[in-house]
Amino acid sequence: MEPAGLGLFKVYAAIMTALYAFLVLISLAVPFMGLELAAEDTFTCLVMGLFSFPFMLVFAYAFFLPRAKWAWVFGTVLIALGLGSCCFWPICIPLLIKWIDPACRSWFETGPDDGPSLGTDGW
């Protein structure tokens, strides 16, 4: 049975994927809406779209993580990215508490470890 932290993480990943997808769509659509924008504004929209696209892909990949130790670390990094904005603190802080719970961590530990090895023993 999946731990509670994993379910919350999937909700968080869905929210972040949708947010970045929205940013990509808006940032690419605004320059073509017929608005009178300065060249800097058009450039800013395109750069925002280019930076949002990789984050959208990374958060979408979170739905396909295997049960491996590196996947738990990958999830921790994604949660830490959300902590960069104080708007996401009410979501990320409780999620991080659930994520570092031994039950959630051991769920990833017991899966097949097909990820890269750093040559260390245990965690």
PDB file of N, CA and C in Angstrom:
ATOM      1  N   MET A   1       0.843  -1.183   0.000  1.00  0.00           N
ATOM      2  CA  MET A   1       0.000   0.000   0.000  1.00  0.00           C
ATOM      3  C   MET A   1       0.886   1.243   0.000  1.00  0.00           C
ATOM      4  N   GLU A   2       0.514   2.206  -0.826  1.00  0.00           N
ATOM      5  CA  GLU A   2       1.295   3.433  -0.930  1.00  0.00           C
ATOM      6  C   GLU A   2       1.164   4.265   0.346  1.00  0.00           C
ATOM      7  N   PRO A   3       2.254   4.891   0.770  1.00  0.00           N
ATOM      8  CA  PRO A   3       2.176   5.776   1.927  1.00  0.00           C
ATOM      9  C   PRO A   3       1.429   7.069   1.585  1.00  0.00           C
ATOM     10  N   ALA A   4       0.941   7.747   2.624  1.00  0.00           N
ATOM     11  CA  ALA A   4       0.156   8.975   2.422  1.00  0.00           C
ATOM     12  C   ALA A   4       0.987  10.055   1.737  1.00  0.00           C
ATOM     13  N   GLY A   5       2.258  10.103   2.029  1.00  0.00           N
ATOM     14  CA  GLY A   5       3.112  11.118   1.425  1.00  0.00           C
ATOM     15  C   GLY A   5       3.192  11.005  -0.079  1.00  0.00           C
ATOM     16  N   LEU A   6       3.089   9.796  -0.604  1.00  0.00           N
ATOM     17  CA  LEU A   6       3.163   9.586  -2.043  1.00  0.00           C
ATOM     18  C   LEU A   6       1.923  10.126  -2.749  1.00  0.00           C
ATOM     19  N   GLY A   7       0.778   9.921  -2.147  1.00  0.00           N
ATOM     20  CA  GLY A   7      -0.454  10.474  -2.721  1.00  0.00           C
ATOM     21  C   GLY A   7      -0.445  11.997  -2.729  1.00  0.00           C
ATOM     22  N   LEU A   8       0.007  12.589  -1.627  1.00  0.00           N
ATOM     23  CA  LEU A   8       0.109  14.046  -1.561  1.00  0.00           C
ATOM     24  C   LEU A   8       1.129  14.562  -2.572  1.00  0.00           C
ATOM     25  N   PHE A   9       2.205  13.823  -2.755  1.00  0.00           N
ATOM     26  CA  PHE A   9       3.225  14.223  -3.721  1.00  0.00           C
ATOM     27  C   PHE A   9       2.665  14.226  -5.137  1.00  0.00           C
ATOM     28  N   LYS A  10       1.827  13.256  -5.463  1.00  0.00           N
ATOM     29  CA  LYS A  10       1.232  13.198  -6.803  1.00  0.00           C
ATOM     30  C   LYS A  10       0.286  14.382  -7.031  1.00  0.00           C
ATOM     31  N   VAL A  11      -0.443  14.768  -5.990  1.00  0.00           N
ATOM     32  CA  VAL A  11      -1.309  15.948  -6.102  1.00  0.00           C
ATOM     33  C   VAL A  11      -0.459  17.193  -6.321  1.00  0.00           C
ATOM     34  N   TYR A  12       0.617  17.318  -5.555  1.00  0.00           N
ATOM     35  CA  TYR A  12       1.540  18.445  -5.694  1.00  0.00           C
ATOM     36  C   TYR A  12       2.152  18.471  -7.091  1.00  0.00           C
ATOM     37  N   ALA A  13       2.584  17.329  -7.589  1.00  0.00           N
ATOM     38  CA  ALA A  13       3.177  17.265  -8.930  1.00  0.00           C
ATOM     39  C   ALA A  13       2.148  17.641  -9.996  1.00  0.00           C
ATOM     40  N   ALA A  14       0.902  17.257  -9.817  1.00  0.00           N
ATOM     41  CA  ALA A  14      -0.147  17.609 -10.775  1.00  0.00           C
ATOM     42  C   ALA A  14      -0.388  19.119 -10.768  1.00  0.00           C
ATOM     43  N   ILE A  15      -0.410  19.719  -9.596  1.00  0.00           N
ATOM     44  CA  ILE A  15      -0.600  21.169  -9.496  1.00  0.00           C
ATOM     45  C   ILE A  15       0.553  21.901 -10.174  1.00  0.00           C
ATOM     46  N   MET A  16       1.770  21.479  -9.894  1.00  0.00           N
ATOM     47  CA  MET A  16       2.933  22.154 -10.463  1.00  0.00           C
ATOM     48  C   MET A  16       3.020  21.933 -11.973  1.00  0.00           C
ATOM     49  N   THR A  17       2.674  20.738 -12.442  1.00  0.00           N
ATOM     50  CA  THR A  17       2.664  20.480 -13.883  1.00  0.00           C
ATOM     51  C   THR A  17       1.639  21.374 -14.570  1.00  0.00           C
ATOM     52  N   ALA A  18       0.456  21.480 -13.983  1.00  0.00           N
ATOM     53  CA  ALA A  18      -0.584  22.335 -14.568  1.00  0.00           C
ATOM     54  C   ALA A  18      -0.163  23.801 -14.545  1.00  0.00           C
ATOM     55  N   LEU A  19       0.470  24.233 -13.477  1.00  0.00           N
ATOM     56  CA  LEU A  19       0.921  25.616 -13.379  1.00  0.00           C
ATOM     57  C   LEU A  19       1.952  25.933 -14.456  1.00  0.00           C
ATOM     58  N   TYR A  20       2.943  25.067 -14.613  1.00  0.00           N
ATOM     59  CA  TYR A  20       3.968  25.314 -15.619  1.00  0.00           C
ATOM     60  C   TYR A  20       3.412  25.170 -17.035  1.00  0.00           C
ATOM     61  N   ALA A  21       2.479  24.265 -17.247  1.00  0.00           N
ATOM     62  CA  ALA A  21       1.852  24.147 -18.569  1.00  0.00           C
ATOM     63  C   ALA A  21       1.076  25.417 -18.901  1.00  0.00           C
ATOM     64  N   PHE A  22       0.389  25.961 -17.920  1.00  0.00           N
ATOM     65  CA  PHE A  22      -0.336  27.219 -18.107  1.00  0.00           C
ATOM     66  C   PHE A  22       0.634  28.350 -18.453  1.00  0.00           C
ATOM     67  N   LEU A  23       1.760  28.413 -17.744  1.00  0.00           N
ATOM     68  CA  LEU A  23       2.754  29.443 -18.032  1.00  0.00           C
ATOM     69  C   LEU A  23       3.324  29.301 -19.445  1.00  0.00           C
ATOM     70  N   VAL A  24       3.570  28.072 -19.863  1.00  0.00           N
ATOM     71  CA  VAL A  24       4.084  27.851 -21.220  1.00  0.00           C
ATOM     72  C   VAL A  24       3.054  28.326 -22.248  1.00  0.00           C
ATOM     73  N   LEU A  25       1.804  27.933 -22.080  1.00  0.00           N
ATOM     74  CA  LEU A  25       0.770  28.305 -23.049  1.00  0.00           C
ATOM     75  C   LEU A  25       0.561  29.812 -23.099  1.00  0.00           C
ATOM     76  N   ILE A  26       0.460  30.443 -21.942  1.00  0.00           N
ATOM     77  CA  ILE A  26       0.234  31.887 -21.903  1.00  0.00           C
ATOM     78  C   ILE A  26       1.431  32.652 -22.454  1.00  0.00           C
ATOM     79  N   SER A  27       2.631  32.232 -22.051  1.00  0.00           N
ATOM     80  CA  SER A  27       3.813  32.975 -22.486  1.00  0.00           C
ATOM     81  C   SER A  27       4.053  32.861 -23.993  1.00  0.00           C
ATOM     82  N   LEU A  28       3.609  31.766 -24.583  1.00  0.00           N
ATOM     83  CA  LEU A  28       3.750  31.623 -26.027  1.00  0.00           C
ATOM     84  C   LEU A  28       2.573  32.235 -26.796  1.00  0.00           C
ATOM     85  N   ALA A  29       1.430  32.389 -26.134  1.00  0.00           N
ATOM     86  CA  ALA A  29       0.253  32.931 -26.803  1.00  0.00           C
ATOM     87  C   ALA A  29       0.213  34.459 -26.763  1.00  0.00           C
ATOM     88  N   VAL A  30       0.711  35.061 -25.709  1.00  0.00           N
ATOM     89  CA  VAL A  30       0.621  36.514 -25.551  1.00  0.00           C
ATOM     90  C   VAL A  30       1.255  37.283 -26.710  1.00  0.00           C
ATOM     91  N   PRO A  31       2.439  36.911 -27.179  1.00  0.00           N
ATOM     92  CA  PRO A  31       3.006  37.682 -28.296  1.00  0.00           C
ATOM     93  C   PRO A  31       2.175  37.636 -29.584  1.00  0.00           C
ATOM     94  N   PHE A  32       1.316  36.648 -29.718  1.00  0.00           N
ATOM     95  CA  PHE A  32       0.528  36.496 -30.934  1.00  0.00           C
ATOM     96  C   PHE A  32      -0.929  36.913 -30.754  1.00  0.00           C
ATOM     97  N   MET A  33      -1.255  37.589 -29.672  1.00  0.00           N
ATOM     98  CA  MET A  33      -2.634  37.997 -29.398  1.00  0.00           C
ATOM     99  C   MET A  33      -2.998  39.333 -30.046  1.00  0.00           C
ATOM    100  N   GLY A  34      -2.056  39.956 -30.685  1.00  0.00           N
ATOM    101  CA  GLY A  34      -2.346  41.228 -31.336  1.00  0.00           C
ATOM    102  C   GLY A  34      -2.256  42.411 -30.396  1.00  0.00           C
ATOM    103  N   LEU A  35      -1.719  42.206 -29.209  1.00  0.00           N
ATOM    104  CA  LEU A  35      -1.544  43.308 -28.276  1.00  0.00           C
ATOM    105  C   LEU A  35      -0.318  44.122 -28.679  1.00  0.00           C
ATOM    106  N   GLU A  36      -0.352  45.399 -28.369  1.00  0.00           N
ATOM    107  CA  GLU A  36       0.800  46.237 -28.657  1.00  0.00           C
ATOM    108  C   GLU A  36       1.791  46.093 -27.507  1.00  0.00           C
ATOM    109  N   LEU A  37       2.777  45.248 -27.716  1.00  0.00           N
ATOM    110  CA  LEU A  37       3.785  44.989 -26.690  1.00  0.00           C
ATOM    111  C   LEU A  37       5.122  45.542 -27.143  1.00  0.00           C
ATOM    112  N   ALA A  38       5.882  45.980 -26.160  1.00  0.00           N
ATOM    113  CA  ALA A  38       7.249  46.387 -26.447  1.00  0.00           C
ATOM    114  C   ALA A  38       8.069  45.139 -26.763  1.00  0.00           C
ATOM    115  N   ALA A  39       9.181  45.332 -27.421  1.00  0.00           N
ATOM    116  CA  ALA A  39      10.037  44.195 -27.781  1.00  0.00           C
ATOM    117  C   ALA A  39      10.510  43.457 -26.534  1.00  0.00           C
ATOM    118  N   GLU A  40      10.745  44.205 -25.452  1.00  0.00           N
ATOM    119  CA  GLU A  40      11.191  43.572 -24.208  1.00  0.00           C
ATOM    120  C   GLU A  40      10.108  42.668 -23.626  1.00  0.00           C
ATOM    121  N   ASP A  41       8.853  43.096 -23.754  1.00  0.00           N
ATOM    122  CA  ASP A  41       7.749  42.291 -23.233  1.00  0.00           C
ATOM    123  C   ASP A  41       7.594  40.988 -24.019  1.00  0.00           C
ATOM    124  N   THR A  42       7.727  41.066 -25.305  1.00  0.00           N
ATOM    125  CA  THR A  42       7.656  39.864 -26.135  1.00  0.00           C
ATOM    126  C   THR A  42       8.792  38.909 -25.797  1.00  0.00           C
ATOM    127  N   PHE A  43       9.989  39.471 -25.648  1.00  0.00           N
ATOM    128  CA  PHE A  43      11.150  38.661 -25.288  1.00  0.00           C
ATOM    129  C   PHE A  43      10.954  38.013 -23.921  1.00  0.00           C
ATOM    130  N   THR A  44      10.421  38.773 -22.961  1.00  0.00           N
ATOM    131  CA  THR A  44      10.181  38.239 -21.615  1.00  0.00           C
ATOM    132  C   THR A  44       9.187  37.081 -21.659  1.00  0.00           C
ATOM    133  N   CYS A  45       8.140  37.219 -22.446  1.00  0.00           N
ATOM    134  CA  CYS A  45       7.152  36.137 -22.565  1.00  0.00           C
ATOM    135  C   CYS A  45       7.787  34.873 -23.129  1.00  0.00           C
ATOM    136  N   LEU A  46       8.580  35.032 -24.150  1.00  0.00           N
ATOM    137  CA  LEU A  46       9.199  33.861 -24.773  1.00  0.00           C
ATOM    138  C   LEU A  46      10.217  33.201 -23.844  1.00  0.00           C
ATOM    139  N   VAL A  47      10.982  33.997 -23.116  1.00  0.00           N
ATOM    140  CA  VAL A  47      11.951  33.435 -22.163  1.00  0.00           C
ATOM    141  C   VAL A  47      11.229  32.711 -21.036  1.00  0.00           C
ATOM    142  N   MET A  48      10.123  33.285 -20.547  1.00  0.00           N
ATOM    143  CA  MET A  48       9.358  32.632 -19.491  1.00  0.00           C
ATOM    144  C   MET A  48       8.824  31.279 -19.973  1.00  0.00           C
ATOM    145  N   GLY A  49       8.389  31.225 -21.205  1.00  0.00           N
ATOM    146  CA  GLY A  49       7.920  29.955 -21.766  1.00  0.00           C
ATOM    147  C   GLY A  49       9.035  28.940 -21.900  1.00  0.00           C
ATOM    148  N   LEU A  50      10.210  29.405 -22.324  1.00  0.00           N
ATOM    149  CA  LEU A  50      11.345  28.494 -22.478  1.00  0.00           C
ATOM    150  C   LEU A  50      11.842  27.964 -21.140  1.00  0.00           C
ATOM    151  N   PHE A  51      11.762  28.766 -20.098  1.00  0.00           N
ATOM    152  CA  PHE A  51      12.184  28.302 -18.785  1.00  0.00           C
ATOM    153  C   PHE A  51      11.112  27.444 -18.111  1.00  0.00           C
ATOM    154  N   SER A  52       9.857  27.686 -18.418  1.00  0.00           N
ATOM    155  CA  SER A  52       8.776  26.916 -17.792  1.00  0.00           C
ATOM    156  C   SER A  52       8.641  25.517 -18.391  1.00  0.00           C
ATOM    157  N   PHE A  53       8.979  25.369 -19.659  1.00  0.00           N
ATOM    158  CA  PHE A  53       8.806  24.080 -20.329  1.00  0.00           C
ATOM    159  C   PHE A  53       9.599  22.944 -19.674  1.00  0.00           C
ATOM    160  N   PRO A  54      10.888  23.108 -19.359  1.00  0.00           N
ATOM    161  CA  PRO A  54      11.605  22.005 -18.692  1.00  0.00           C
ATOM    162  C   PRO A  54      11.035  21.667 -17.326  1.00  0.00           C
ATOM    163  N   PHE A  55      10.603  22.680 -16.587  1.00  0.00           N
ATOM    164  CA  PHE A  55      10.010  22.404 -15.277  1.00  0.00           C
ATOM    165  C   PHE A  55       8.700  21.640 -15.425  1.00  0.00           C
ATOM    166  N   MET A  56       7.928  21.961 -16.446  1.00  0.00           N
ATOM    167  CA  MET A  56       6.695  21.219 -16.705  1.00  0.00           C
ATOM    168  C   MET A  56       7.003  19.743 -16.963  1.00  0.00           C
ATOM    169  N   LEU A  57       8.031  19.488 -17.771  1.00  0.00           N
ATOM    170  CA  LEU A  57       8.401  18.107 -18.066  1.00  0.00           C
ATOM    171  C   LEU A  57       8.907  17.367 -16.829  1.00  0.00           C
ATOM    172  N   VAL A  58       9.700  18.032 -16.018  1.00  0.00           N
ATOM    173  CA  VAL A  58      10.258  17.395 -14.819  1.00  0.00           C
ATOM    174  C   VAL A  58       9.148  17.040 -13.835  1.00  0.00           C
ATOM    175  N   PHE A  59       8.217  17.952 -13.618  1.00  0.00           N
ATOM    176  CA  PHE A  59       7.120  17.656 -12.697  1.00  0.00           C
ATOM    177  C   PHE A  59       6.176  16.607 -13.281  1.00  0.00           C
ATOM    178  N   ALA A  60       5.995  16.573 -14.593  1.00  0.00           N
ATOM    179  CA  ALA A  60       5.165  15.530 -15.206  1.00  0.00           C
ATOM    180  C   ALA A  60       5.833  14.164 -15.084  1.00  0.00           C
ATOM    181  N   TYR A  61       7.163  14.142 -15.153  1.00  0.00           N
ATOM    182  CA  TYR A  61       7.900  12.875 -15.000  1.00  0.00           C
ATOM    183  C   TYR A  61       7.706  12.281 -13.609  1.00  0.00           C
ATOM    184  N   ALA A  62       7.365  13.096 -12.646  1.00  0.00           N
ATOM    185  CA  ALA A  62       7.180  12.610 -11.274  1.00  0.00           C
ATOM    186  C   ALA A  62       6.098  11.532 -11.183  1.00  0.00           C
ATOM    187  N   PHE A  63       5.176  11.493 -12.124  1.00  0.00           N
ATOM    188  CA  PHE A  63       4.121  10.473 -12.100  1.00  0.00           C
ATOM    189  C   PHE A  63       4.635   9.097 -12.505  1.00  0.00           C
ATOM    190  N   PHE A  64       5.811   9.041 -13.103  1.00  0.00           N
ATOM    191  CA  PHE A  64       6.344   7.786 -13.611  1.00  0.00           C
ATOM    192  C   PHE A  64       7.577   7.322 -12.847  1.00  0.00           C
ATOM    193  N   LEU A  65       7.768   7.832 -11.645  1.00  0.00           N
ATOM    194  CA  LEU A  65       8.947   7.451 -10.862  1.00  0.00           C
ATOM    195  C   LEU A  65       8.852   5.999 -10.406  1.00  0.00           C
ATOM    196  N   PRO A  66       9.940   5.259 -10.519  1.00  0.00           N
ATOM    197  CA  PRO A  66       9.940   3.875 -10.035  1.00  0.00           C
ATOM    198  C   PRO A  66      10.160   3.838  -8.523  1.00  0.00           C
ATOM    199  N   ARG A  67      10.008   2.668  -7.957  1.00  0.00           N
ATOM    200  CA  ARG A  67      10.291   2.500  -6.525  1.00  0.00           C
ATOM    201  C   ARG A  67      11.790   2.263  -6.373  1.00  0.00           C
ATOM    202  N   ALA A  68      12.538   3.342  -6.345  1.00  0.00           N
ATOM    203  CA  ALA A  68      13.986   3.264  -6.214  1.00  0.00           C
ATOM    204  C   ALA A  68      14.452   4.403  -5.312  1.00  0.00           C
ATOM    205  N   LYS A  69      15.609   4.228  -4.734  1.00  0.00           N
ATOM    206  CA  LYS A  69      16.127   5.235  -3.802  1.00  0.00           C
ATOM    207  C   LYS A  69      16.300   6.582  -4.478  1.00  0.00           C
ATOM    208  N   TRP A  70      16.793   6.584  -5.708  1.00  0.00           N
ATOM    209  CA  TRP A  70      17.014   7.851  -6.389  1.00  0.00           C
ATOM    210  C   TRP A  70      15.701   8.579  -6.654  1.00  0.00           C
ATOM    211  N   ALA A  71      14.596   7.861  -6.774  1.00  0.00           N
ATOM    212  CA  ALA A  71      13.303   8.488  -7.021  1.00  0.00           C
ATOM    213  C   ALA A  71      12.840   9.268  -5.795  1.00  0.00           C
ATOM    214  N   TRP A  72      13.163   8.756  -4.609  1.00  0.00           N
ATOM    215  CA  TRP A  72      12.825   9.484  -3.387  1.00  0.00           C
ATOM    216  C   TRP A  72      13.618  10.792  -3.328  1.00  0.00           C
ATOM    217  N   VAL A  73      14.874  10.749  -3.702  1.00  0.00           N
ATOM    218  CA  VAL A  73      15.706  11.962  -3.727  1.00  0.00           C
ATOM    219  C   VAL A  73      15.184  12.928  -4.791  1.00  0.00           C
ATOM    220  N   PHE A  74      14.798  12.415  -5.934  1.00  0.00           N
ATOM    221  CA  PHE A  74      14.227  13.238  -7.006  1.00  0.00           C
ATOM    222  C   PHE A  74      12.974  13.958  -6.500  1.00  0.00           C
ATOM    223  N   GLY A  75      12.122  13.237  -5.793  1.00  0.00           N
ATOM    224  CA  GLY A  75      10.921  13.851  -5.218  1.00  0.00           C
ATOM    225  C   GLY A  75      11.258  14.913  -4.191  1.00  0.00           C
ATOM    226  N   THR A  76      12.286  14.665  -3.391  1.00  0.00           N
ATOM    227  CA  THR A  76      12.709  15.654  -2.404  1.00  0.00           C
ATOM    228  C   THR A  76      13.166  16.939  -3.087  1.00  0.00           C
ATOM    229  N   VAL A  77      13.876  16.806  -4.184  1.00  0.00           N
ATOM    230  CA  VAL A  77      14.333  17.976  -4.935  1.00  0.00           C
ATOM    231  C   VAL A  77      13.138  18.742  -5.511  1.00  0.00           C
ATOM    232  N   LEU A  78      12.127  18.036  -6.013  1.00  0.00           N
ATOM    233  CA  LEU A  78      10.949  18.704  -6.548  1.00  0.00           C
ATOM    234  C   LEU A  78      10.192  19.449  -5.454  1.00  0.00           C
ATOM    235  N   ILE A  79      10.117  18.863  -4.273  1.00  0.00           N
ATOM    236  CA  ILE A  79       9.472  19.552  -3.155  1.00  0.00           C
ATOM    237  C   ILE A  79      10.284  20.784  -2.776  1.00  0.00           C
ATOM    238  N   ALA A  80      11.608  20.659  -2.781  1.00  0.00           N
ATOM    239  CA  ALA A  80      12.469  21.800  -2.455  1.00  0.00           C
ATOM    240  C   ALA A  80      12.305  22.930  -3.473  1.00  0.00           C
ATOM    241  N   LEU A  81      12.072  22.595  -4.731  1.00  0.00           N
ATOM    242  CA  LEU A  81      11.818  23.636  -5.730  1.00  0.00           C
ATOM    243  C   LEU A  81      10.564  24.438  -5.393  1.00  0.00           C
ATOM    244  N   GLY A  82       9.562  23.768  -4.887  1.00  0.00           N
ATOM    245  CA  GLY A  82       8.344  24.465  -4.484  1.00  0.00           C
ATOM    246  C   GLY A  82       8.546  25.355  -3.278  1.00  0.00           C
ATOM    247  N   LEU A  83       9.492  25.008  -2.428  1.00  0.00           N
ATOM    248  CA  LEU A  83       9.770  25.826  -1.249  1.00  0.00           C
ATOM    249  C   LEU A  83      10.398  27.166  -1.610  1.00  0.00           C
ATOM    250  N   GLY A  84      10.821  27.324  -2.864  1.00  0.00           N
ATOM    251  CA  GLY A  84      11.392  28.584  -3.300  1.00  0.00           C
ATOM    252  C   GLY A  84      10.376  29.710  -3.368  1.00  0.00           C
ATOM    253  N   SER A  85       9.109  29.388  -3.381  1.00  0.00           N
ATOM    254  CA  SER A  85       8.049  30.386  -3.415  1.00  0.00           C
ATOM    255  C   SER A  85       7.231  30.289  -2.129  1.00  0.00           C
ATOM    256  N   CYS A  86       7.090  31.398  -1.434  1.00  0.00           N
ATOM    257  CA  CYS A  86       6.338  31.361  -0.169  1.00  0.00           C
ATOM    258  C   CYS A  86       4.860  31.047  -0.406  1.00  0.00           C
ATOM    259  N   CYS A  87       4.380  31.194  -1.628  1.00  0.00           N
ATOM    260  CA  CYS A  87       2.990  30.836  -1.935  1.00  0.00           C
ATOM    261  C   CYS A  87       2.752  29.337  -1.794  1.00  0.00           C
ATOM    262  N   PHE A  88       3.801  28.542  -1.984  1.00  0.00           N
ATOM    263  CA  PHE A  88       3.669  27.093  -1.912  1.00  0.00           C
ATOM    264  C   PHE A  88       4.073  26.519  -0.557  1.00  0.00           C
ATOM    265  N   TRP A  89       4.484  27.351   0.383  1.00  0.00           N
ATOM    266  CA  TRP A  89       4.849  26.839   1.707  1.00  0.00           C
ATOM    267  C   TRP A  89       3.722  26.071   2.379  1.00  0.00           C
ATOM    268  N   PRO A  90       2.455  26.547   2.313  1.00  0.00           N
ATOM    269  CA  PRO A  90       1.384  25.770   2.960  1.00  0.00           C
ATOM    270  C   PRO A  90       1.196  24.371   2.360  1.00  0.00           C
ATOM    271  N   ILE A  91       1.639  24.176   1.131  1.00  0.00           N
ATOM    272  CA  ILE A  91       1.557  22.861   0.495  1.00  0.00           C
ATOM    273  C   ILE A  91       2.835  22.064   0.739  1.00  0.00           C
ATOM    274  N   CYS A  92       3.968  22.707   0.535  1.00  0.00           N
ATOM    275  CA  CYS A  92       5.253  21.989   0.536  1.00  0.00           C
ATOM    276  C   CYS A  92       5.737  21.588   1.927  1.00  0.00           C
ATOM    277  N   ILE A  93       5.494  22.405   2.930  1.00  0.00           N
ATOM    278  CA  ILE A  93       5.994  22.060   4.269  1.00  0.00           C
ATOM    279  C   ILE A  93       5.306  20.809   4.812  1.00  0.00           C
ATOM    280  N   PRO A  94       3.952  20.731   4.806  1.00  0.00           N
ATOM    281  CA  PRO A  94       3.332  19.468   5.249  1.00  0.00           C
ATOM    282  C   PRO A  94       3.706  18.283   4.358  1.00  0.00           C
ATOM    283  N   LEU A  95       3.844  18.536   3.048  1.00  0.00           N
ATOM    284  CA  LEU A  95       4.240  17.467   2.135  1.00  0.00           C
ATOM    285  C   LEU A  95       5.639  16.968   2.466  1.00  0.00           C
ATOM    286  N   LEU A  96       6.553  17.874   2.743  1.00  0.00           N
ATOM    287  CA  LEU A  96       7.916  17.476   3.091  1.00  0.00           C
ATOM    288  C   LEU A  96       7.940  16.669   4.382  1.00  0.00           C
ATOM    289  N   ILE A  97       7.101  17.034   5.340  1.00  0.00           N
ATOM    290  CA  ILE A  97       7.026  16.279   6.602  1.00  0.00           C
ATOM    291  C   ILE A  97       6.547  14.853   6.325  1.00  0.00           C
ATOM    292  N   LYS A  98       5.533  14.717   5.475  1.00  0.00           N
ATOM    293  CA  LYS A  98       5.048  13.378   5.118  1.00  0.00           C
ATOM    294  C   LYS A  98       6.075  12.630   4.262  1.00  0.00           C
ATOM    295  N   TRP A  99       6.788  13.358   3.400  1.00  0.00           N
ATOM    296  CA  TRP A  99       7.723  12.739   2.470  1.00  0.00           C
ATOM    297  C   TRP A  99       8.924  12.150   3.195  1.00  0.00           C
ATOM    298  N   ILE A 100       9.416  12.825   4.237  1.00  0.00           N
ATOM    299  CA  ILE A 100      10.590  12.321   4.956  1.00  0.00           C
ATOM    300  C   ILE A 100      10.211  11.328   6.051  1.00  0.00           C
ATOM    301  N   ASP A 101       8.941  11.013   6.147  1.00  0.00           N
ATOM    302  CA  ASP A 101       8.478  10.004   7.089  1.00  0.00           C
ATOM    303  C   ASP A 101       9.138   8.666   6.752  1.00  0.00           C
ATOM    304  N   PRO A 102       9.550   7.913   7.756  1.00  0.00           N
ATOM    305  CA  PRO A 102      10.208   6.625   7.478  1.00  0.00           C
ATOM    306  C   PRO A 102       9.369   5.659   6.629  1.00  0.00           C
ATOM    307  N   ALA A 103       8.058   5.707   6.768  1.00  0.00           N
ATOM    308  CA  ALA A 103       7.212   4.810   5.973  1.00  0.00           C
ATOM    309  C   ALA A 103       7.312   5.136   4.485  1.00  0.00           C
ATOM    310  N   CYS A 104       7.316   6.412   4.167  1.00  0.00           N
ATOM    311  CA  CYS A 104       7.421   6.817   2.759  1.00  0.00           C
ATOM    312  C   CYS A 104       8.807   6.509   2.222  1.00  0.00           C
ATOM    313  N   ARG A 105       9.800   6.789   3.000  1.00  0.00           N
ATOM    314  CA  ARG A 105      11.178   6.555   2.563  1.00  0.00           C
ATOM    315  C   ARG A 105      11.446   5.062   2.365  1.00  0.00           C
ATOM    316  N   SER A 106      10.952   4.247   3.274  1.00  0.00           N
ATOM    317  CA  SER A 106      11.178   2.808   3.149  1.00  0.00           C
ATOM    318  C   SER A 106      10.378   2.220   1.990  1.00  0.00           C
ATOM    319  N   TRP A 107       9.264   2.835   1.610  1.00  0.00           N
ATOM    320  CA  TRP A 107       8.502   2.358   0.463  1.00  0.00           C
ATOM    321  C   TRP A 107       9.357   2.434  -0.793  1.00  0.00           C
ATOM    322  N   PHE A 108      10.125   3.497  -0.931  1.00  0.00           N
ATOM    323  CA  PHE A 108      11.030   3.622  -2.075  1.00  0.00           C
ATOM    324  C   PHE A 108      12.244   2.718  -1.923  1.00  0.00           C
ATOM    325  N   GLU A 109      12.667   2.498  -0.712  1.00  0.00           N
ATOM    326  CA  GLU A 109      13.858   1.686  -0.450  1.00  0.00           C
ATOM    327  C   GLU A 109      13.636   0.224  -0.798  1.00  0.00           C
ATOM    328  N   THR A 110      12.406  -0.257  -0.647  1.00  0.00           N
ATOM    329  CA  THR A 110      12.136  -1.677  -0.876  1.00  0.00           C
ATOM    330  C   THR A 110      11.893  -2.004  -2.341  1.00  0.00           C
ATOM    331  N   GLY A 111      11.821  -0.988  -3.193  1.00  0.00           N
ATOM    332  CA  GLY A 111      11.591  -1.228  -4.609  1.00  0.00           C
ATOM    333  C   GLY A 111      12.862  -1.678  -5.297  1.00  0.00           C
ATOM    334  N   PRO A 112      12.744  -2.058  -6.552  1.00  0.00           N
ATOM    335  CA  PRO A 112      13.931  -2.463  -7.304  1.00  0.00           C
ATOM    336  C   PRO A 112      14.839  -1.260  -7.511  1.00  0.00           C
ATOM    337  N   ASP A 113      16.078  -1.396  -7.179  1.00  0.00           N
ATOM    338  CA  ASP A 113      17.034  -0.301  -7.292  1.00  0.00           C
ATOM    339  C   ASP A 113      17.736  -0.391  -8.640  1.00  0.00           C
ATOM    340  N   ASP A 114      17.123   0.219  -9.651  1.00  0.00           N
ATOM    341  CA  ASP A 114      17.705   0.182 -10.974  1.00  0.00           C
ATOM    342  C   ASP A 114      18.315   1.525 -11.359  1.00  0.00           C
ATOM    343  N   GLY A 115      18.412   2.428 -10.393  1.00  0.00           N
ATOM    344  CA  GLY A 115      18.966   3.746 -10.660  1.00  0.00           C
ATOM    345  C   GLY A 115      20.474   3.754 -10.563  1.00  0.00           C
ATOM    346  N   PRO A 116      21.049   4.908 -10.818  1.00  0.00           N
ATOM    347  CA  PRO A 116      22.512   5.028 -10.757  1.00  0.00           C
ATOM    348  C   PRO A 116      23.014   4.851  -9.328  1.00  0.00           C
ATOM    349  N   SER A 117      24.149   4.245  -9.193  1.00  0.00           N
ATOM    350  CA  SER A 117      24.739   4.022  -7.876  1.00  0.00           C
ATOM    351  C   SER A 117      25.847   5.033  -7.644  1.00  0.00           C
ATOM    352  N   LEU A 118      25.857   5.599  -6.451  1.00  0.00           N
ATOM    353  CA  LEU A 118      26.886   6.560  -6.095  1.00  0.00           C
ATOM    354  C   LEU A 118      28.040   5.875  -5.335  1.00  0.00           C
ATOM    355  N   GLY A 119      27.934   4.579  -5.155  1.00  0.00           N
ATOM    356  CA  GLY A 119      28.985   3.858  -4.472  1.00  0.00           C
ATOM    357  C   GLY A 119      28.966   4.015  -2.963  1.00  0.00           C
ATOM    358  N   THR A 120      27.827   4.409  -2.415  1.00  0.00           N
ATOM    359  CA  THR A 120      27.728   4.569  -0.961  1.00  0.00           C
ATOM    360  C   THR A 120      26.869   3.450  -0.412  1.00  0.00           C
ATOM    361  N   ASP A 121      27.061   3.153   0.828  1.00  0.00           N
ATOM    362  CA  ASP A 121      26.259   2.122   1.504  1.00  0.00           C
ATOM    363  C   ASP A 121      25.050   2.798   2.151  1.00  0.00           C
ATOM    364  N   GLY A 122      23.885   2.279   1.859  1.00  0.00           N
ATOM    365  CA  GLY A 122      22.658   2.793   2.461  1.00  0.00           C
ATOM    366  C   GLY A 122      22.384   4.223   2.021  1.00  0.00           C
ATOM    367  N   TRP A 123      21.832   4.994   2.922  1.00  0.00           N
ATOM    368  CA  TRP A 123      21.500   6.373   2.630  1.00  0.00           C
ATOM    369  C   TRP A 123      22.683   7.212   2.976  1.00  0.00           C
TER     370      TRP A 123
END
